[in-house]
Amino acid sequence: MRAVGVLAAAGLLLIGTARPVAQGKGPKKYAVTTDHALAVSKEALGKHGYEVDRVETSGHDYVVWYRLGNKGKGKGKGPPAKMVIHRTEGRVVFLSTPSVVLVDIDVRLKL
């Protein structure tokens, strides 16, 4: 009987400290032009050691292909990755962006 009480208390403790799930509002939206968003994202990627390979347009979206540079170590470059700058309802949304880079983009676009 005592073991059941301990398990019940432990269960309540775990439930009480668990983070709520699915309460986010989704990706942040910025009221800037896509050209400005592209320039800021290129700067933020470069600041963190990424090199922009190419930028493609797909409808209203920009697809930015980037890779991690060798940082002077001569070991080659990283695999290509992409991020999407999506234009929706007069707002810009960044998709598939590294979180470190997204923080810099957020700071620059809120100024």
N, C-alpha and C. Protein backbone atom coordinates (compact mmCIF):
# COMPACT_ATOMS: atom_id res chain seq x y z
N MET A 1 0.81 -1.19 0.00
CA MET A 1 0.00 0.00 0.00
C MET A 1 0.87 1.27 0.00
N ARG A 2 1.97 1.19 0.76
CA ARG A 2 2.86 2.34 0.84
C ARG A 2 3.53 2.59 -0.53
N ALA A 3 3.86 1.51 -1.24
CA ALA A 3 4.50 1.65 -2.55
C ALA A 3 3.57 2.34 -3.54
N VAL A 4 2.29 2.06 -3.46
CA VAL A 4 1.32 2.70 -4.34
C VAL A 4 1.27 4.20 -4.06
N GLY A 5 1.33 4.58 -2.81
CA GLY A 5 1.32 5.99 -2.44
C GLY A 5 2.55 6.72 -2.94
N VAL A 6 3.70 6.07 -2.84
CA VAL A 6 4.94 6.67 -3.33
C VAL A 6 4.90 6.83 -4.84
N LEU A 7 4.41 5.81 -5.54
CA LEU A 7 4.30 5.90 -7.00
C LEU A 7 3.32 6.98 -7.42
N ALA A 8 2.22 7.09 -6.71
CA ALA A 8 1.23 8.13 -7.04
C ALA A 8 1.82 9.52 -6.82
N ALA A 9 2.57 9.70 -5.74
CA ALA A 9 3.19 11.00 -5.48
C ALA A 9 4.23 11.33 -6.54
N ALA A 10 5.02 10.32 -6.93
CA ALA A 10 6.02 10.54 -7.97
C ALA A 10 5.36 10.88 -9.30
N GLY A 11 4.25 10.23 -9.62
CA GLY A 11 3.51 10.52 -10.85
C GLY A 11 2.97 11.93 -10.86
N LEU A 12 2.41 12.39 -9.74
CA LEU A 12 1.91 13.75 -9.65
C LEU A 12 3.03 14.77 -9.77
N LEU A 13 4.18 14.43 -9.19
CA LEU A 13 5.32 15.33 -9.29
C LEU A 13 5.78 15.47 -10.74
N LEU A 14 5.83 14.36 -11.48
CA LEU A 14 6.24 14.40 -12.88
C LEU A 14 5.24 15.15 -13.74
N ILE A 15 3.97 14.94 -13.48
CA ILE A 15 2.94 15.62 -14.27
C ILE A 15 2.97 17.12 -13.99
N GLY A 16 3.19 17.51 -12.77
CA GLY A 16 3.22 18.92 -12.40
C GLY A 16 4.39 19.68 -12.97
N THR A 17 5.52 19.00 -13.20
CA THR A 17 6.71 19.69 -13.71
C THR A 17 6.88 19.57 -15.21
N ALA A 18 6.02 18.82 -15.89
CA ALA A 18 6.15 18.65 -17.34
C ALA A 18 5.80 19.95 -18.05
N ARG A 19 6.53 20.23 -19.13
CA ARG A 19 6.25 21.42 -19.93
C ARG A 19 5.01 21.20 -20.78
N PRO A 20 4.19 22.21 -20.92
CA PRO A 20 3.04 22.08 -21.82
C PRO A 20 3.52 21.93 -23.26
N VAL A 21 2.86 21.11 -24.02
CA VAL A 21 3.24 20.84 -25.38
C VAL A 21 2.23 21.49 -26.33
N ALA A 22 2.70 21.93 -27.48
CA ALA A 22 1.86 22.45 -28.56
C ALA A 22 1.14 23.73 -28.18
N GLN A 23 1.81 24.60 -27.43
CA GLN A 23 1.20 25.89 -27.12
C GLN A 23 1.87 27.02 -27.88
N GLY A 24 2.81 26.69 -28.75
CA GLY A 24 3.50 27.72 -29.52
C GLY A 24 2.60 28.30 -30.59
N LYS A 25 2.99 29.45 -31.07
CA LYS A 25 2.22 30.13 -32.11
C LYS A 25 2.78 29.88 -33.49
N GLY A 26 3.80 29.04 -33.59
CA GLY A 26 4.42 28.79 -34.88
C GLY A 26 5.58 29.73 -35.09
N PRO A 27 6.10 29.77 -36.31
CA PRO A 27 7.26 30.64 -36.58
C PRO A 27 6.87 32.11 -36.51
N LYS A 28 7.85 32.94 -36.13
CA LYS A 28 7.60 34.38 -36.05
C LYS A 28 7.42 34.96 -37.44
N LYS A 29 6.60 35.98 -37.52
CA LYS A 29 6.35 36.67 -38.78
C LYS A 29 6.85 38.10 -38.66
N TYR A 30 7.53 38.57 -39.70
CA TYR A 30 8.12 39.90 -39.69
C TYR A 30 7.52 40.73 -40.82
N ALA A 31 7.23 41.98 -40.53
CA ALA A 31 6.65 42.89 -41.53
C ALA A 31 7.78 43.65 -42.24
N VAL A 32 8.55 42.92 -43.04
CA VAL A 32 9.65 43.50 -43.82
C VAL A 32 9.54 42.97 -45.25
N THR A 33 10.30 43.58 -46.14
CA THR A 33 10.31 43.08 -47.51
C THR A 33 11.17 41.82 -47.58
N THR A 34 10.93 41.01 -48.60
CA THR A 34 11.72 39.78 -48.74
C THR A 34 13.17 40.10 -49.09
N ASP A 35 13.41 41.20 -49.81
CA ASP A 35 14.78 41.58 -50.13
C ASP A 35 15.57 41.95 -48.88
N HIS A 36 14.93 42.68 -47.96
CA HIS A 36 15.59 43.03 -46.70
C HIS A 36 15.82 41.78 -45.85
N ALA A 37 14.84 40.90 -45.82
CA ALA A 37 14.98 39.65 -45.07
C ALA A 37 16.11 38.80 -45.64
N LEU A 38 16.27 38.78 -46.95
CA LEU A 38 17.35 38.03 -47.59
C LEU A 38 18.71 38.61 -47.23
N ALA A 39 18.83 39.93 -47.27
CA ALA A 39 20.10 40.58 -46.93
C ALA A 39 20.49 40.31 -45.48
N VAL A 40 19.52 40.40 -44.58
CA VAL A 40 19.79 40.16 -43.17
C VAL A 40 20.18 38.70 -42.93
N SER A 41 19.51 37.78 -43.61
CA SER A 41 19.82 36.37 -43.41
C SER A 41 21.20 36.02 -43.96
N LYS A 42 21.61 36.63 -45.07
CA LYS A 42 22.96 36.41 -45.60
C LYS A 42 24.02 36.90 -44.62
N GLU A 43 23.78 38.07 -44.01
CA GLU A 43 24.72 38.59 -43.02
C GLU A 43 24.80 37.69 -41.80
N ALA A 44 23.66 37.21 -41.32
CA ALA A 44 23.63 36.35 -40.14
C ALA A 44 24.31 35.01 -40.41
N LEU A 45 24.09 34.45 -41.59
CA LEU A 45 24.75 33.20 -41.94
C LEU A 45 26.26 33.39 -42.00
N GLY A 46 26.71 34.47 -42.61
CA GLY A 46 28.14 34.75 -42.71
C GLY A 46 28.77 34.97 -41.35
N LYS A 47 28.04 35.59 -40.44
CA LYS A 47 28.56 35.85 -39.10
C LYS A 47 28.85 34.56 -38.35
N HIS A 48 28.10 33.51 -38.64
CA HIS A 48 28.25 32.24 -37.93
C HIS A 48 29.07 31.22 -38.72
N GLY A 49 29.76 31.67 -39.76
CA GLY A 49 30.68 30.80 -40.48
C GLY A 49 30.07 30.03 -41.64
N TYR A 50 28.85 30.36 -42.01
CA TYR A 50 28.23 29.70 -43.16
C TYR A 50 28.53 30.48 -44.42
N GLU A 51 28.58 29.79 -45.54
CA GLU A 51 28.76 30.43 -46.84
C GLU A 51 27.49 30.20 -47.66
N VAL A 52 26.98 31.25 -48.26
CA VAL A 52 25.79 31.13 -49.09
C VAL A 52 26.22 30.66 -50.48
N ASP A 53 25.70 29.50 -50.91
CA ASP A 53 26.04 28.96 -52.23
C ASP A 53 25.22 29.63 -53.32
N ARG A 54 23.92 29.62 -53.13
CA ARG A 54 23.05 30.23 -54.15
C ARG A 54 21.70 30.56 -53.53
N VAL A 55 20.97 31.41 -54.22
CA VAL A 55 19.62 31.80 -53.80
C VAL A 55 18.70 31.55 -54.99
N GLU A 56 17.66 30.78 -54.77
CA GLU A 56 16.68 30.48 -55.81
C GLU A 56 15.35 31.12 -55.45
N THR A 57 14.60 31.49 -56.47
CA THR A 57 13.25 31.97 -56.24
C THR A 57 12.27 30.88 -56.65
N SER A 58 11.28 30.69 -55.82
CA SER A 58 10.24 29.71 -56.08
C SER A 58 8.91 30.35 -55.76
N GLY A 59 8.30 30.98 -56.77
CA GLY A 59 7.07 31.72 -56.51
C GLY A 59 7.39 32.98 -55.71
N HIS A 60 6.75 33.10 -54.54
CA HIS A 60 7.01 34.23 -53.66
C HIS A 60 8.11 33.92 -52.64
N ASP A 61 8.67 32.75 -52.67
CA ASP A 61 9.66 32.31 -51.68
C ASP A 61 11.08 32.45 -52.22
N TYR A 62 12.01 32.68 -51.30
CA TYR A 62 13.43 32.58 -51.59
C TYR A 62 13.94 31.32 -50.91
N VAL A 63 14.68 30.50 -51.64
CA VAL A 63 15.33 29.33 -51.08
C VAL A 63 16.83 29.64 -51.05
N VAL A 64 17.39 29.68 -49.84
CA VAL A 64 18.80 30.02 -49.65
C VAL A 64 19.56 28.74 -49.36
N TRP A 65 20.48 28.39 -50.25
CA TRP A 65 21.34 27.22 -50.06
C TRP A 65 22.64 27.69 -49.44
N TYR A 66 23.03 27.08 -48.34
CA TYR A 66 24.24 27.47 -47.62
C TYR A 66 24.97 26.23 -47.13
N ARG A 67 26.21 26.42 -46.73
CA ARG A 67 26.99 25.33 -46.14
C ARG A 67 27.99 25.93 -45.16
N LEU A 68 28.43 25.11 -44.23
CA LEU A 68 29.41 25.55 -43.26
C LEU A 68 30.77 25.61 -43.93
N GLY A 69 31.47 26.73 -43.78
CA GLY A 69 32.79 26.88 -44.38
C GLY A 69 33.83 26.09 -43.61
N ASN A 70 35.05 26.06 -44.10
CA ASN A 70 36.09 25.26 -43.45
C ASN A 70 36.73 26.00 -42.29
N LYS A 71 36.41 27.26 -42.07
CA LYS A 71 36.93 28.06 -40.97
C LYS A 71 38.45 28.07 -40.91
N GLY A 72 39.10 27.99 -42.06
CA GLY A 72 40.55 28.06 -42.13
C GLY A 72 41.28 26.80 -41.71
N LYS A 73 40.58 25.72 -41.52
CA LYS A 73 41.21 24.48 -41.08
C LYS A 73 41.57 23.57 -42.25
N GLY A 74 41.13 23.90 -43.46
CA GLY A 74 41.49 23.12 -44.63
C GLY A 74 40.88 21.74 -44.70
N LYS A 75 39.76 21.53 -44.04
CA LYS A 75 39.13 20.20 -44.04
C LYS A 75 37.90 20.15 -44.92
N GLY A 76 37.78 21.06 -45.83
CA GLY A 76 36.63 21.05 -46.73
C GLY A 76 35.43 21.76 -46.13
N LYS A 77 34.38 21.80 -46.89
CA LYS A 77 33.16 22.48 -46.46
C LYS A 77 32.12 21.46 -46.05
N GLY A 78 31.14 21.94 -45.31
CA GLY A 78 30.07 21.07 -44.84
C GLY A 78 29.08 20.73 -45.93
N PRO A 79 28.12 19.86 -45.63
CA PRO A 79 27.10 19.50 -46.61
C PRO A 79 26.15 20.67 -46.86
N PRO A 80 25.59 20.75 -48.06
CA PRO A 80 24.66 21.85 -48.34
C PRO A 80 23.37 21.68 -47.53
N ALA A 81 22.84 22.82 -47.12
CA ALA A 81 21.57 22.86 -46.40
C ALA A 81 20.76 24.02 -46.97
N LYS A 82 19.48 24.04 -46.68
CA LYS A 82 18.66 25.13 -47.22
C LYS A 82 17.77 25.72 -46.15
N MET A 83 17.47 26.98 -46.33
CA MET A 83 16.46 27.67 -45.53
C MET A 83 15.53 28.38 -46.49
N VAL A 84 14.31 28.58 -46.06
CA VAL A 84 13.29 29.18 -46.93
C VAL A 84 12.81 30.47 -46.29
N ILE A 85 12.75 31.53 -47.10
CA ILE A 85 12.16 32.79 -46.69
C ILE A 85 10.82 32.87 -47.41
N HIS A 86 9.75 32.68 -46.66
CA HIS A 86 8.40 32.56 -47.22
C HIS A 86 7.63 33.85 -47.00
N ARG A 87 7.01 34.34 -48.06
CA ARG A 87 6.19 35.56 -47.98
C ARG A 87 4.73 35.16 -47.89
N THR A 88 4.06 35.58 -46.82
CA THR A 88 2.65 35.26 -46.64
C THR A 88 1.91 36.43 -46.01
N GLU A 89 0.84 36.86 -46.61
CA GLU A 89 -0.04 37.91 -46.10
C GLU A 89 0.71 39.17 -45.67
N GLY A 90 1.65 39.63 -46.48
CA GLY A 90 2.39 40.83 -46.17
C GLY A 90 3.45 40.65 -45.09
N ARG A 91 3.71 39.43 -44.72
CA ARG A 91 4.70 39.12 -43.68
C ARG A 91 5.73 38.13 -44.23
N VAL A 92 6.90 38.09 -43.59
CA VAL A 92 7.97 37.17 -43.96
C VAL A 92 8.14 36.15 -42.85
N VAL A 93 8.28 34.88 -43.23
CA VAL A 93 8.49 33.79 -42.27
C VAL A 93 9.74 33.04 -42.70
N PHE A 94 10.60 32.71 -41.73
CA PHE A 94 11.81 31.94 -41.99
C PHE A 94 11.55 30.48 -41.62
N LEU A 95 11.80 29.58 -42.56
CA LEU A 95 11.58 28.15 -42.34
C LEU A 95 12.89 27.40 -42.49
N SER A 96 13.08 26.36 -41.71
CA SER A 96 14.27 25.50 -41.74
C SER A 96 15.56 26.29 -41.52
N THR A 97 15.52 27.22 -40.60
CA THR A 97 16.67 28.07 -40.31
C THR A 97 17.34 27.59 -39.03
N PRO A 98 18.68 27.51 -38.98
CA PRO A 98 19.34 27.14 -37.73
C PRO A 98 18.98 28.13 -36.62
N SER A 99 18.77 27.63 -35.43
CA SER A 99 18.31 28.47 -34.33
C SER A 99 19.31 29.57 -33.97
N VAL A 100 20.59 29.30 -34.09
CA VAL A 100 21.60 30.32 -33.79
C VAL A 100 21.48 31.48 -34.77
N VAL A 101 21.27 31.16 -36.01
CA VAL A 101 21.13 32.19 -37.05
C VAL A 101 19.80 32.92 -36.89
N LEU A 102 18.76 32.20 -36.53
CA LEU A 102 17.43 32.80 -36.38
C LEU A 102 17.41 33.85 -35.27
N VAL A 103 18.19 33.64 -34.23
CA VAL A 103 18.28 34.63 -33.15
C VAL A 103 18.86 35.92 -33.69
N ASP A 104 19.93 35.85 -34.48
CA ASP A 104 20.52 37.06 -35.06
C ASP A 104 19.56 37.75 -36.02
N ILE A 105 18.85 36.95 -36.82
CA ILE A 105 17.88 37.52 -37.75
C ILE A 105 16.79 38.25 -36.98
N ASP A 106 16.33 37.65 -35.90
CA ASP A 106 15.28 38.25 -35.08
C ASP A 106 15.74 39.58 -34.50
N VAL A 107 16.96 39.62 -34.01
CA VAL A 107 17.49 40.88 -33.44
C VAL A 107 17.59 41.95 -34.50
N ARG A 108 18.11 41.60 -35.68
CA ARG A 108 18.28 42.59 -36.75
C ARG A 108 16.96 43.11 -37.30
N LEU A 109 15.97 42.24 -37.41
CA LEU A 109 14.70 42.67 -38.01
C LEU A 109 13.81 43.41 -37.03
N LYS A 110 14.06 43.30 -35.75
CA LYS A 110 13.26 44.02 -34.77
C LYS A 110 13.79 45.42 -34.51
N LEU A 111 14.97 45.76 -35.03
CA LEU A 111 15.54 47.10 -34.80
C LEU A 111 14.78 48.16 -35.54
